[in-house]
PDB file of N, CA and C in Angstrom:
ATOM      1  N   MET A   1      50.293  32.381 -12.215  1.00  0.00           N
ATOM      2  CA  MET A   1      50.164  31.896 -11.138  1.00  0.00           C
ATOM      3  C   MET A   1      49.181  31.075 -10.827  1.00  0.00           C
ATOM      4  N   ALA A   2      49.262  29.707 -11.166  1.00  0.00           N
ATOM      5  CA  ALA A   2      47.974  28.994 -11.099  1.00  0.00           C
ATOM      6  C   ALA A   2      48.076  28.375  -9.998  1.00  0.00           C
ATOM      7  N   MET A   3      45.872  27.769 -10.117  1.00  0.00           N
ATOM      8  CA  MET A   3      46.102  27.364  -8.132  1.00  0.00           C
ATOM      9  C   MET A   3      44.970  26.139  -8.781  1.00  0.00           C
ATOM     10  N   ASP A   4      46.409  25.146  -8.513  1.00  0.00           N
ATOM     11  CA  ASP A   4      45.368  23.577  -8.452  1.00  0.00           C
ATOM     12  C   ASP A   4      45.566  22.637  -7.826  1.00  0.00           C
ATOM     13  N   ASP A   5      44.096  21.712  -6.999  1.00  0.00           N
ATOM     14  CA  ASP A   5      44.307  20.718  -5.728  1.00  0.00           C
ATOM     15  C   ASP A   5      44.413  21.783  -4.171  1.00  0.00           C
ATOM     16  N   LYS A   6      44.641  22.874  -4.430  1.00  0.00           N
ATOM     17  CA  LYS A   6      44.415  24.209  -3.195  1.00  0.00           C
ATOM     18  C   LYS A   6      45.873  24.456  -3.091  1.00  0.00           C
ATOM     19  N   ARG A   7      46.605  24.389  -4.207  1.00  0.00           N
ATOM     20  CA  ARG A   7      48.148  24.503  -4.485  1.00  0.00           C
ATOM     21  C   ARG A   7      48.000  25.861  -5.258  1.00  0.00           C
ATOM     22  N   ILE A   8      49.268  26.577  -5.121  1.00  0.00           N
ATOM     23  CA  ILE A   8      48.713  27.561  -5.189  1.00  0.00           C
ATOM     24  C   ILE A   8      50.562  27.927  -5.801  1.00  0.00           C
ATOM     25  N   LYS A   9      50.707  27.957  -7.425  1.00  0.00           N
ATOM     26  CA  LYS A   9      52.784  27.885  -7.599  1.00  0.00           C
ATOM     27  C   LYS A   9      51.948  30.149  -7.833  1.00  0.00           C
ATOM     28  N   ILE A  10      53.732  29.449  -7.131  1.00  0.00           N
ATOM     29  CA  ILE A  10      54.277  31.441  -6.582  1.00  0.00           C
ATOM     30  C   ILE A  10      56.043  31.662  -7.382  1.00  0.00           C
ATOM     31  N   TYR A  11      55.912  30.390  -8.101  1.00  0.00           N
ATOM     32  CA  TYR A  11      57.484  30.891  -8.860  1.00  0.00           C
ATOM     33  C   TYR A  11      57.404  30.014  -9.838  1.00  0.00           C
ATOM     34  N   GLU A  12      58.208  30.335 -10.711  1.00  0.00           N
ATOM     35  CA  GLU A  12      58.199  29.459 -11.548  1.00  0.00           C
ATOM     36  C   GLU A  12      59.711  29.851 -12.569  1.00  0.00           C
ATOM     37  N   GLU A  13      60.617  28.927 -12.718  1.00  0.00           N
ATOM     38  CA  GLU A  13      62.100  29.313 -13.746  1.00  0.00           C
ATOM     39  C   GLU A  13      61.545  28.165 -14.735  1.00  0.00           C
ATOM     40  N   GLU A  14      61.401  28.430 -16.217  1.00  0.00           N
ATOM     41  CA  GLU A  14      61.164  28.270 -17.314  1.00  0.00           C
ATOM     42  C   GLU A  14      62.171  26.085 -17.239  1.00  0.00           C
ATOM     43  N   GLY A  15      61.725  25.473 -17.304  1.00  0.00           N
ATOM     44  CA  GLY A  15      62.171  24.420 -17.971  1.00  0.00           C
ATOM     45  C   GLY A  15      62.919  23.670 -15.894  1.00  0.00           C
ATOM     46  N   LYS A  16      62.982  24.410 -15.135  1.00  0.00           N
ATOM     47  CA  LYS A  16      64.139  24.186 -13.688  1.00  0.00           C
ATOM     48  C   LYS A  16      63.346  23.514 -13.006  1.00  0.00           C
ATOM     49  N   CYS A  17      62.481  24.641 -12.211  1.00  0.00           N
ATOM     50  CA  CYS A  17      62.215  24.952 -11.150  1.00  0.00           C
ATOM     51  C   CYS A  17      60.469  25.240 -11.236  1.00  0.00           C
ATOM     52  N   GLU A  18      59.791  25.026  -9.994  1.00  0.00           N
ATOM     53  CA  GLU A  18      58.597  25.763  -9.595  1.00  0.00           C
ATOM     54  C   GLU A  18      58.149  25.638  -8.387  1.00  0.00           C
ATOM     55  N   VAL A  19      57.275  26.595  -7.630  1.00  0.00           N
ATOM     56  CA  VAL A  19      57.303  26.520  -5.999  1.00  0.00           C
ATOM     57  C   VAL A  19      56.022  26.316  -6.070  1.00  0.00           C
ATOM     58  N   LYS A  20      55.219  26.137  -5.274  1.00  0.00           N
ATOM     59  CA  LYS A  20      53.621  25.882  -4.980  1.00  0.00           C
ATOM     60  C   LYS A  20      53.752  25.943  -3.421  1.00  0.00           C
ATOM     61  N   VAL A  21      52.796  26.800  -2.702  1.00  0.00           N
ATOM     62  CA  VAL A  21      52.355  26.726  -1.607  1.00  0.00           C
ATOM     63  C   VAL A  21      51.179  26.288  -1.113  1.00  0.00           C
ATOM     64  N   THR A  22      50.039  25.399  -0.554  1.00  0.00           N
ATOM     65  CA  THR A  22      49.525  25.593  -0.381  1.00  0.00           C
ATOM     66  C   THR A  22      48.302  26.507   0.124  1.00  0.00           C
ATOM     67  N   GLU A  23      47.067  26.073   0.250  1.00  0.00           N
ATOM     68  CA  GLU A  23      46.342  27.288   1.172  1.00  0.00           C
ATOM     69  C   GLU A  23      46.015  27.546   2.029  1.00  0.00           C
ATOM     70  N   GLU A  24      46.310  26.773   2.731  1.00  0.00           N
ATOM     71  CA  GLU A  24      47.275  26.401   4.209  1.00  0.00           C
ATOM     72  C   GLU A  24      48.049  26.627   4.586  1.00  0.00           C
ATOM     73  N   VAL A  25      48.824  27.020   3.817  1.00  0.00           N
ATOM     74  CA  VAL A  25      49.928  27.899   3.919  1.00  0.00           C
ATOM     75  C   VAL A  25      50.083  29.512   4.615  1.00  0.00           C
ATOM     76  N   ILE A  26      49.328  29.957   3.247  1.00  0.00           N
ATOM     77  CA  ILE A  26      48.781  30.771   3.283  1.00  0.00           C
ATOM     78  C   ILE A  26      47.802  31.036   4.638  1.00  0.00           C
ATOM     79  N   SER A  27      46.733  30.400   4.522  1.00  0.00           N
ATOM     80  CA  SER A  27      46.182  31.053   6.086  1.00  0.00           C
ATOM     81  C   SER A  27      47.230  30.673   7.372  1.00  0.00           C
ATOM     82  N   ILE A  28      48.246  30.111   7.361  1.00  0.00           N
ATOM     83  CA  ILE A  28      48.659  30.104   8.438  1.00  0.00           C
ATOM     84  C   ILE A  28      49.663  31.650   8.331  1.00  0.00           C
ATOM     85  N   ILE A  29      50.019  32.344   7.598  1.00  0.00           N
ATOM     86  CA  ILE A  29      50.600  33.524   7.216  1.00  0.00           C
ATOM     87  C   ILE A  29      49.619  34.678   7.739  1.00  0.00           C
ATOM     88  N   ALA A  30      47.969  34.152   7.121  1.00  0.00           N
ATOM     89  CA  ALA A  30      47.545  35.584   7.668  1.00  0.00           C
ATOM     90  C   ALA A  30      46.911  35.497   8.774  1.00  0.00           C
ATOM     91  N   LYS A  31      47.365  33.929   9.313  1.00  0.00           N
ATOM     92  CA  LYS A  31      46.927  34.163  11.259  1.00  0.00           C
ATOM     93  C   LYS A  31      47.879  34.510  12.300  1.00  0.00           C
ATOM     94  N   LEU A  32      49.483  34.446  11.595  1.00  0.00           N
ATOM     95  CA  LEU A  32      50.125  34.996  12.211  1.00  0.00           C
ATOM     96  C   LEU A  32      50.156  36.429  12.733  1.00  0.00           C
ATOM     97  N   ALA A  33      50.170  36.343  11.025  1.00  0.00           N
ATOM     98  CA  ALA A  33      50.146  38.535  11.540  1.00  0.00           C
ATOM     99  C   ALA A  33      48.771  39.033  11.755  1.00  0.00           C
ATOM    100  N   ALA A  34      47.465  38.228  11.742  1.00  0.00           N
ATOM    101  CA  ALA A  34      46.324  38.887  12.717  1.00  0.00           C
ATOM    102  C   ALA A  34      47.175  38.645  13.935  1.00  0.00           C
ATOM    103  N   LEU A  35      47.610  37.541  14.335  1.00  0.00           N
ATOM    104  CA  LEU A  35      48.118  37.652  15.962  1.00  0.00           C
ATOM    105  C   LEU A  35      48.772  38.317  16.405  1.00  0.00           C
ATOM    106  N   GLU A  36      49.810  39.367  15.748  1.00  0.00           N
ATOM    107  CA  GLU A  36      50.561  39.999  15.614  1.00  0.00           C
ATOM    108  C   GLU A  36      50.211  41.346  16.294  1.00  0.00           C
ATOM    109  N   VAL A  37      48.623  41.990  15.871  1.00  0.00           N
ATOM    110  CA  VAL A  37      48.231  43.236  16.049  1.00  0.00           C
ATOM    111  C   VAL A  37      47.504  43.331  17.767  1.00  0.00           C
ATOM    112  N   ASP A  38      47.918  44.233  18.244  1.00  0.00           N
ATOM    113  CA  ASP A  38      47.634  44.319  19.846  1.00  0.00           C
ATOM    114  C   ASP A  38      46.069  44.309  19.784  1.00  0.00           C
ATOM    115  N   GLY A  39      45.152  44.084  20.120  1.00  0.00           N
ATOM    116  CA  GLY A  39      44.316  44.231  20.564  1.00  0.00           C
ATOM    117  C   GLY A  39      43.083  42.745  20.203  1.00  0.00           C
ATOM    118  N   VAL A  40      43.962  41.903  19.394  1.00  0.00           N
ATOM    119  CA  VAL A  40      43.464  40.328  18.914  1.00  0.00           C
ATOM    120  C   VAL A  40      43.887  39.690  19.711  1.00  0.00           C
ATOM    121  N   GLU A  41      42.860  38.366  20.113  1.00  0.00           N
ATOM    122  CA  GLU A  41      42.605  38.208  21.204  1.00  0.00           C
ATOM    123  C   GLU A  41      43.354  36.782  20.672  1.00  0.00           C
ATOM    124  N   SER A  42      42.629  36.192  19.375  1.00  0.00           N
ATOM    125  CA  SER A  42      42.835  35.047  18.923  1.00  0.00           C
ATOM    126  C   SER A  42      42.107  35.123  17.531  1.00  0.00           C
ATOM    127  N   ILE A  43      41.800  34.148  17.010  1.00  0.00           N
ATOM    128  CA  ILE A  43      41.733  34.081  15.380  1.00  0.00           C
ATOM    129  C   ILE A  43      40.284  32.649  15.665  1.00  0.00           C
ATOM    130  N   GLY A  44      39.650  32.889  15.277  1.00  0.00           N
ATOM    131  CA  GLY A  44      38.555  32.142  15.145  1.00  0.00           C
ATOM    132  C   GLY A  44      37.002  32.463  15.664  1.00  0.00           C
ATOM    133  N   GLY A  45      36.949  31.718  16.582  1.00  0.00           N
ATOM    134  CA  GLY A  45      35.406  32.095  17.377  1.00  0.00           C
ATOM    135  C   GLY A  45      33.934  31.570  16.694  1.00  0.00           C
ATOM    136  N   ASN A  46      34.225  29.979  16.228  1.00  0.00           N
ATOM    137  CA  ASN A  46      33.019  29.541  15.801  1.00  0.00           C
ATOM    138  C   ASN A  46      32.838  28.069  16.846  1.00  0.00           C
ATOM    139  N   ALA A  47      31.796  27.674  17.387  1.00  0.00           N
ATOM    140  CA  ALA A  47      31.601  26.570  18.103  1.00  0.00           C
ATOM    141  C   ALA A  47      32.721  25.505  17.791  1.00  0.00           C
ATOM    142  N   SER A  48      32.598  24.481  16.200  1.00  0.00           N
ATOM    143  CA  SER A  48      33.339  23.741  16.036  1.00  0.00           C
ATOM    144  C   SER A  48      34.699  23.969  17.259  1.00  0.00           C
ATOM    145  N   GLY A  49      35.468  24.747  16.062  1.00  0.00           N
ATOM    146  CA  GLY A  49      37.023  25.744  16.268  1.00  0.00           C
ATOM    147  C   GLY A  49      37.181  25.713  18.037  1.00  0.00           C
ATOM    148  N   ASP A  50      36.528  26.233  18.570  1.00  0.00           N
ATOM    149  CA  ASP A  50      36.601  26.382  20.425  1.00  0.00           C
ATOM    150  C   ASP A  50      36.560  24.786  20.783  1.00  0.00           C
ATOM    151  N   LEU A  51      35.783  24.153  20.704  1.00  0.00           N
ATOM    152  CA  LEU A  51      35.597  22.727  21.085  1.00  0.00           C
ATOM    153  C   LEU A  51      36.754  21.834  20.366  1.00  0.00           C
ATOM    154  N   ALA A  52      37.587  22.120  19.118  1.00  0.00           N
ATOM    155  CA  ALA A  52      38.812  21.141  19.167  1.00  0.00           C
ATOM    156  C   ALA A  52      39.783  21.709  19.831  1.00  0.00           C
ATOM    157  N   THR A  53      40.076  22.916  19.864  1.00  0.00           N
ATOM    158  CA  THR A  53      40.845  23.653  20.705  1.00  0.00           C
ATOM    159  C   THR A  53      40.642  23.194  22.862  1.00  0.00           C
ATOM    160  N   LYS A  54      39.713  22.639  22.993  1.00  0.00           N
ATOM    161  CA  LYS A  54      39.450  22.405  23.857  1.00  0.00           C
ATOM    162  C   LYS A  54      40.048  20.842  23.969  1.00  0.00           C
ATOM    163  N   LEU A  55      39.941  20.303  23.383  1.00  0.00           N
ATOM    164  CA  LEU A  55      39.877  18.654  23.274  1.00  0.00           C
ATOM    165  C   LEU A  55      41.463  18.858  22.464  1.00  0.00           C
ATOM    166  N   GLY A  56      42.496  19.730  22.756  1.00  0.00           N
ATOM    167  CA  GLY A  56      43.686  19.655  22.432  1.00  0.00           C
ATOM    168  C   GLY A  56      43.851  19.551  20.450  1.00  0.00           C
ATOM    169  N   TRP A  57      42.731  19.569  19.534  1.00  0.00           N
ATOM    170  CA  TRP A  57      42.942  19.395  18.226  1.00  0.00           C
ATOM    171  C   TRP A  57      43.465  20.556  17.815  1.00  0.00           C
ATOM    172  N   LYS A  58      44.772  20.248  16.849  1.00  0.00           N
ATOM    173  CA  LYS A  58      45.293  21.777  16.484  1.00  0.00           C
ATOM    174  C   LYS A  58      44.895  21.852  15.117  1.00  0.00           C
ATOM    175  N   ASN A  59      44.646  22.550  14.656  1.00  0.00           N
ATOM    176  CA  ASN A  59      44.373  23.201  13.219  1.00  0.00           C
ATOM    177  C   ASN A  59      44.505  24.753  12.975  1.00  0.00           C
ATOM    178  N   ALA A  60      45.768  24.583  12.806  1.00  0.00           N
ATOM    179  CA  ALA A  60      46.312  26.343  12.607  1.00  0.00           C
ATOM    180  C   ALA A  60      46.035  27.277  11.931  1.00  0.00           C
ATOM    181  N   SER A  61      45.029  26.729  10.512  1.00  0.00           N
ATOM    182  CA  SER A  61      44.750  27.559   9.247  1.00  0.00           C
ATOM    183  C   SER A  61      42.910  27.596  10.117  1.00  0.00           C
ATOM    184  N   SER A  62      42.715  27.459  11.308  1.00  0.00           N
ATOM    185  CA  SER A  62      41.249  27.648  11.280  1.00  0.00           C
ATOM    186  C   SER A  62      41.172  29.167  11.719  1.00  0.00           C
ATOM    187  N   GLY A  63      39.582  29.852  11.401  1.00  0.00           N
ATOM    188  CA  GLY A  63      39.127  30.732  11.651  1.00  0.00           C
ATOM    189  C   GLY A  63      40.094  32.146  10.222  1.00  0.00           C
ATOM    190  N   VAL A  64      40.270  31.363   9.398  1.00  0.00           N
ATOM    191  CA  VAL A  64      41.218  31.461   8.343  1.00  0.00           C
ATOM    192  C   VAL A  64      40.577  31.294   6.779  1.00  0.00           C
ATOM    193  N   SER A  65      40.101  31.869   6.129  1.00  0.00           N
ATOM    194  CA  SER A  65      39.597  31.084   4.587  1.00  0.00           C
ATOM    195  C   SER A  65      40.763  31.978   3.681  1.00  0.00           C
ATOM    196  N   ILE A  66      40.491  31.259   1.862  1.00  0.00           N
ATOM    197  CA  ILE A  66      41.440  31.670   1.462  1.00  0.00           C
ATOM    198  C   ILE A  66      41.105  31.792   0.393  1.00  0.00           C
ATOM    199  N   SER A  67      40.567  32.565  -0.943  1.00  0.00           N
ATOM    200  CA  SER A  67      39.232  32.290  -2.317  1.00  0.00           C
ATOM    201  C   SER A  67      41.093  32.628  -2.998  1.00  0.00           C
ATOM    202  N   MET A  68      40.565  32.428  -3.991  1.00  0.00           N
ATOM    203  CA  MET A  68      41.686  33.001  -5.545  1.00  0.00           C
ATOM    204  C   MET A  68      40.498  32.934  -6.600  1.00  0.00           C
ATOM    205  N   ASN A  69      40.870  34.664  -7.063  1.00  0.00           N
ATOM    206  CA  ASN A  69      40.523  34.887  -8.594  1.00  0.00           C
ATOM    207  C   ASN A  69      41.228  35.050  -9.252  1.00  0.00           C
ATOM    208  N   GLN A  70      41.531  34.121 -10.442  1.00  0.00           N
ATOM    209  CA  GLN A  70      42.452  34.698 -11.241  1.00  0.00           C
ATOM    210  C   GLN A  70      43.972  34.435 -10.905  1.00  0.00           C
ATOM    211  N   ASP A  71      45.069  35.941 -10.529  1.00  0.00           N
ATOM    212  CA  ASP A  71      45.385  35.876 -10.069  1.00  0.00           C
ATOM    213  C   ASP A  71      45.900  36.529  -8.371  1.00  0.00           C
ATOM    214  N   MET A  72      44.506  37.080  -8.030  1.00  0.00           N
ATOM    215  CA  MET A  72      44.237  37.602  -6.577  1.00  0.00           C
ATOM    216  C   MET A  72      43.638  36.853  -5.777  1.00  0.00           C
ATOM    217  N   ILE A  73      44.540  36.907  -4.484  1.00  0.00           N
ATOM    218  CA  ILE A  73      44.352  36.299  -3.054  1.00  0.00           C
ATOM    219  C   ILE A  73      43.176  36.929  -2.711  1.00  0.00           C
ATOM    220  N   SER A  74      42.049  36.473  -2.137  1.00  0.00           N
ATOM    221  CA  SER A  74      41.137  36.748  -1.227  1.00  0.00           C
ATOM    222  C   SER A  74      41.423  36.238  -0.010  1.00  0.00           C
ATOM    223  N   VAL A  75      41.153  37.206   1.457  1.00  0.00           N
ATOM    224  CA  VAL A  75      41.616  36.492   2.637  1.00  0.00           C
ATOM    225  C   VAL A  75      39.620  36.845   3.697  1.00  0.00           C
ATOM    226  N   SER A  76      39.508  36.059   4.080  1.00  0.00           N
ATOM    227  CA  SER A  76      38.616  36.328   5.088  1.00  0.00           C
ATOM    228  C   SER A  76      39.107  35.663   6.169  1.00  0.00           C
ATOM    229  N   VAL A  77      39.188  37.090   8.069  1.00  0.00           N
ATOM    230  CA  VAL A  77      39.405  36.038   9.081  1.00  0.00           C
ATOM    231  C   VAL A  77      38.437  36.592   9.833  1.00  0.00           C
ATOM    232  N   SER A  78      38.253  36.026  11.068  1.00  0.00           N
ATOM    233  CA  SER A  78      37.759  35.617  12.004  1.00  0.00           C
ATOM    234  C   SER A  78      38.252  36.028  13.020  1.00  0.00           C
ATOM    235  N   LEU A  79      37.923  37.424  13.930  1.00  0.00           N
ATOM    236  CA  LEU A  79      38.608  37.607  15.155  1.00  0.00           C
ATOM    237  C   LEU A  79      38.113  37.762  16.619  1.00  0.00           C
ATOM    238  N   ILE A  80      38.730  37.271  17.192  1.00  0.00           N
ATOM    239  CA  ILE A  80      38.286  37.357  18.697  1.00  0.00           C
ATOM    240  C   ILE A  80      38.761  38.517  19.257  1.00  0.00           C
ATOM    241  N   ILE A  81      38.508  39.419  19.556  1.00  0.00           N
ATOM    242  CA  ILE A  81      39.331  41.241  19.916  1.00  0.00           C
ATOM    243  C   ILE A  81      39.344  41.217  21.787  1.00  0.00           C
ATOM    244  N   LYS A  82      40.737  41.618  22.123  1.00  0.00           N
ATOM    245  CA  LYS A  82      39.842  42.230  23.311  1.00  0.00           C
ATOM    246  C   LYS A  82      38.613  43.566  24.007  1.00  0.00           C
ATOM    247  N   LEU A  83      37.923  43.406  25.094  1.00  0.00           N
ATOM    248  CA  LEU A  83      37.645  44.855  25.514  1.00  0.00           C
ATOM    249  C   LEU A  83      38.063  45.677  25.247  1.00  0.00           C
ATOM    250  N   GLY A  84      37.587  46.574  24.922  1.00  0.00           N
ATOM    251  CA  GLY A  84      37.437  48.117  24.901  1.00  0.00           C
ATOM    252  C   GLY A  84      38.452  48.605  24.144  1.00  0.00           C
ATOM    253  N   VAL A  85      38.779  47.275  22.625  1.00  0.00           N
ATOM    254  CA  VAL A  85      39.923  48.067  21.435  1.00  0.00           C
ATOM    255  C   VAL A  85      39.117  48.717  20.855  1.00  0.00           C
ATOM    256  N   ASN A  86      39.779  49.719  20.353  1.00  0.00           N
ATOM    257  CA  ASN A  86      38.870  50.455  18.845  1.00  0.00           C
ATOM    258  C   ASN A  86      38.153  49.017  17.348  1.00  0.00           C
ATOM    259  N   ILE A  87      37.292  49.113  17.496  1.00  0.00           N
ATOM    260  CA  ILE A  87      37.155  47.168  16.529  1.00  0.00           C
ATOM    261  C   ILE A  87      38.045  48.098  15.157  1.00  0.00           C
ATOM    262  N   PRO A  88      37.200  49.469  14.270  1.00  0.00           N
ATOM    263  CA  PRO A  88      38.067  49.503  13.010  1.00  0.00           C
ATOM    264  C   PRO A  88      38.868  49.683  13.075  1.00  0.00           C
ATOM    265  N   GLU A  89      39.629  50.348  14.161  1.00  0.00           N
ATOM    266  CA  GLU A  89      41.552  50.492  13.511  1.00  0.00           C
ATOM    267  C   GLU A  89      42.149  49.285  14.175  1.00  0.00           C
ATOM    268  N   ILE A  90      41.834  48.101  14.860  1.00  0.00           N
ATOM    269  CA  ILE A  90      42.422  46.765  15.221  1.00  0.00           C
ATOM    270  C   ILE A  90      42.032  46.132  13.699  1.00  0.00           C
ATOM    271  N   SER A  91      40.871  46.489  12.634  1.00  0.00           N
ATOM    272  CA  SER A  91      40.259  45.663  11.706  1.00  0.00           C
ATOM    273  C   SER A  91      41.283  46.670  10.879  1.00  0.00           C
ATOM    274  N   LYS A  92      41.628  47.476  10.865  1.00  0.00           N
ATOM    275  CA  LYS A  92      41.968  48.164   9.761  1.00  0.00           C
ATOM    276  C   LYS A  92      43.939  47.804   9.178  1.00  0.00           C
ATOM    277  N   LYS A  93      44.866  47.619  11.134  1.00  0.00           N
ATOM    278  CA  LYS A  93      45.709  47.076  11.162  1.00  0.00           C
ATOM    279  C   LYS A  93      46.052  45.924  10.628  1.00  0.00           C
ATOM    280  N   VAL A  94      45.041  44.807  11.080  1.00  0.00           N
ATOM    281  CA  VAL A  94      44.977  43.515  10.618  1.00  0.00           C
ATOM    282  C   VAL A  94      44.603  43.400   9.045  1.00  0.00           C
ATOM    283  N   GLN A  95      44.087  43.961   8.691  1.00  0.00           N
ATOM    284  CA  GLN A  95      43.729  44.105   7.075  1.00  0.00           C
ATOM    285  C   GLN A  95      45.325  44.747   6.377  1.00  0.00           C
ATOM    286  N   GLU A  96      46.187  44.736   7.060  1.00  0.00           N
ATOM    287  CA  GLU A  96      47.300  46.138   6.714  1.00  0.00           C
ATOM    288  C   GLU A  96      47.900  45.013   6.663  1.00  0.00           C
ATOM    289  N   LYS A  97      48.350  44.228   7.713  1.00  0.00           N
ATOM    290  CA  LYS A  97      50.150  42.730   8.037  1.00  0.00           C
ATOM    291  C   LYS A  97      49.143  41.904   7.789  1.00  0.00           C
ATOM    292  N   ILE A  98      47.929  41.526   7.085  1.00  0.00           N
ATOM    293  CA  ILE A  98      47.267  40.404   5.995  1.00  0.00           C
ATOM    294  C   ILE A  98      47.946  40.773   5.320  1.00  0.00           C
ATOM    295  N   LYS A  99      47.931  41.798   4.674  1.00  0.00           N
ATOM    296  CA  LYS A  99      47.669  41.877   3.191  1.00  0.00           C
ATOM    297  C   LYS A  99      49.354  42.150   2.697  1.00  0.00           C
ATOM    298  N   ASN A 100      50.385  42.974   3.934  1.00  0.00           N
ATOM    299  CA  ASN A 100      51.774  42.923   3.624  1.00  0.00           C
ATOM    300  C   ASN A 100      53.151  41.612   4.016  1.00  0.00           C
ATOM    301  N   ALA A 101      51.886  40.538   4.782  1.00  0.00           N
ATOM    302  CA  ALA A 101      52.363  39.509   4.959  1.00  0.00           C
ATOM    303  C   ALA A 101      52.650  38.433   3.989  1.00  0.00           C
ATOM    304  N   ILE A 102      51.652  38.230   3.586  1.00  0.00           N
ATOM    305  CA  ILE A 102      51.320  37.561   2.181  1.00  0.00           C
ATOM    306  C   ILE A 102      51.653  37.739   1.068  1.00  0.00           C
ATOM    307  N   GLU A 103      51.962  39.267   1.001  1.00  0.00           N
ATOM    308  CA  GLU A 103      52.127  39.710  -0.484  1.00  0.00           C
ATOM    309  C   GLU A 103      54.222  39.732  -0.357  1.00  0.00           C
ATOM    310  N   ASN A 104      54.511  39.554   0.546  1.00  0.00           N
ATOM    311  CA  ASN A 104      56.030  39.361   1.003  1.00  0.00           C
ATOM    312  C   ASN A 104      56.482  38.354   1.100  1.00  0.00           C
ATOM    313  N   MET A 105      56.012  37.812   1.872  1.00  0.00           N
ATOM    314  CA  MET A 105      56.263  36.532   1.523  1.00  0.00           C
ATOM    315  C   MET A 105      56.293  35.052   0.083  1.00  0.00           C
ATOM    316  N   THR A 106      55.554  35.586  -0.214  1.00  0.00           N
ATOM    317  CA  THR A 106      54.748  34.587  -1.328  1.00  0.00           C
ATOM    318  C   THR A 106      54.944  35.468  -2.654  1.00  0.00           C
ATOM    319  N   GLY A 107      54.989  36.409  -2.254  1.00  0.00           N
ATOM    320  CA  GLY A 107      54.702  37.206  -3.972  1.00  0.00           C
ATOM    321  C   GLY A 107      53.295  37.159  -4.492  1.00  0.00           C
ATOM    322  N   LEU A 108      52.588  37.091  -3.940  1.00  0.00           N
ATOM    323  CA  LEU A 108      50.929  36.927  -4.560  1.00  0.00           C
ATOM    324  C   LEU A 108      50.245  37.946  -4.279  1.00  0.00           C
ATOM    325  N   SER A 109      49.198  38.751  -5.350  1.00  0.00           N
ATOM    326  CA  SER A 109      49.025  39.852  -4.558  1.00  0.00           C
ATOM    327  C   SER A 109      47.604  39.664  -3.869  1.00  0.00           C
ATOM    328  N   VAL A 110      47.198  40.602  -2.886  1.00  0.00           N
ATOM    329  CA  VAL A 110      45.871  40.715  -2.199  1.00  0.00           C
ATOM    330  C   VAL A 110      44.941  41.028  -2.319  1.00  0.00           C
ATOM    331  N   GLU A 111      43.381  41.154  -3.067  1.00  0.00           N
ATOM    332  CA  GLU A 111      42.912  41.835  -3.475  1.00  0.00           C
ATOM    333  C   GLU A 111      42.379  42.057  -2.477  1.00  0.00           C
ATOM    334  N   ALA A 112      41.624  41.293  -0.924  1.00  0.00           N
ATOM    335  CA  ALA A 112      41.133  41.882  -0.478  1.00  0.00           C
ATOM    336  C   ALA A 112      41.221  41.071   1.234  1.00  0.00           C
ATOM    337  N   VAL A 113      41.153  41.612   1.857  1.00  0.00           N
ATOM    338  CA  VAL A 113      40.831  40.995   3.518  1.00  0.00           C
ATOM    339  C   VAL A 113      39.880  41.996   4.254  1.00  0.00           C
ATOM    340  N   ASP A 114      38.732  40.503   4.307  1.00  0.00           N
ATOM    341  CA  ASP A 114      37.539  40.608   4.971  1.00  0.00           C
ATOM    342  C   ASP A 114      37.931  40.058   6.793  1.00  0.00           C
ATOM    343  N   VAL A 115      37.624  40.991   7.472  1.00  0.00           N
ATOM    344  CA  VAL A 115      38.049  40.943   8.798  1.00  0.00           C
ATOM    345  C   VAL A 115      36.586  40.752   9.183  1.00  0.00           C
ATOM    346  N   LYS A 116      36.069  39.748  10.307  1.00  0.00           N
ATOM    347  CA  LYS A 116      35.316  39.348  10.566  1.00  0.00           C
ATOM    348  C   LYS A 116      35.398  39.536  12.672  1.00  0.00           C
ATOM    349  N   VAL A 117      34.671  40.416  13.153  1.00  0.00           N
ATOM    350  CA  VAL A 117      34.625  39.844  14.745  1.00  0.00           C
ATOM    351  C   VAL A 117      33.805  38.897  15.241  1.00  0.00           C
ATOM    352  N   ALA A 118      34.376  37.610  15.617  1.00  0.00           N
ATOM    353  CA  ALA A 118      33.371  37.321  15.787  1.00  0.00           C
ATOM    354  C   ALA A 118      33.022  36.932  17.578  1.00  0.00           C
ATOM    355  N   ASN A 119      34.507  37.479  18.564  1.00  0.00           N
ATOM    356  CA  ASN A 119      34.045  37.653  19.796  1.00  0.00           C
ATOM    357  C   ASN A 119      34.792  38.328  20.496  1.00  0.00           C
ATOM    358  N   VAL A 120      34.217  38.973  21.673  1.00  0.00           N
ATOM    359  CA  VAL A 120      34.754  40.148  22.938  1.00  0.00           C
ATOM    360  C   VAL A 120      35.529  38.792  23.384  1.00  0.00           C
ATOM    361  N   LYS A 121      36.304  39.038  24.230  1.00  0.00           N
ATOM    362  CA  LYS A 121      37.139  38.603  25.078  1.00  0.00           C
ATOM    363  C   LYS A 121      36.909  39.535  26.372  1.00  0.00           C
ATOM    364  N   ILE A 122      36.444  38.815  27.599  1.00  0.00           N
ATOM    365  CA  ILE A 122      36.666  40.053  28.630  1.00  0.00           C
ATOM    366  C   ILE A 122      37.591  38.920  29.910  1.00  0.00           C
ATOM    367  N   ASP A 123      38.439  40.076  30.026  1.00  0.00           N
ATOM    368  CA  ASP A 123      38.814  39.446  31.126  1.00  0.00           C
ATOM    369  C   ASP A 123      38.602  39.382  32.412  1.00  0.00           C
ATOM    370  N   ASN A 124      38.451  37.933  33.228  1.00  0.00           N
ATOM    371  CA  ASN A 124      37.881  37.830  33.904  1.00  0.00           C
ATOM    372  C   ASN A 124      38.736  38.659  35.382  1.00  0.00           C
TER     373      ASN A 124
END
């Protein structure tokens, strides 16, 4: 599985076809998987991402970064969690969800999923 120009080859049939996905696609898979976990309010948490959201700009993969070492994917995700949740428990669930989603949808191996809690959402 090779990576070039931020595209990752996930399938190849000799002389017939190949399938590549972009890093952004993998980021979106990771983001959607993380949002399925109860206790996760949103993904992101940096000032520029918050400003972009308020201005109506959309970057579906913001708050998630992907890196590849040989054939192994590493994911880093920044979370905004709900007040009162168990952070280690939520983080572990997010790691499992992201790993399973990427591996099941792409066939790529996930080496690591790093979770960063960027903020806590306080309901008004």
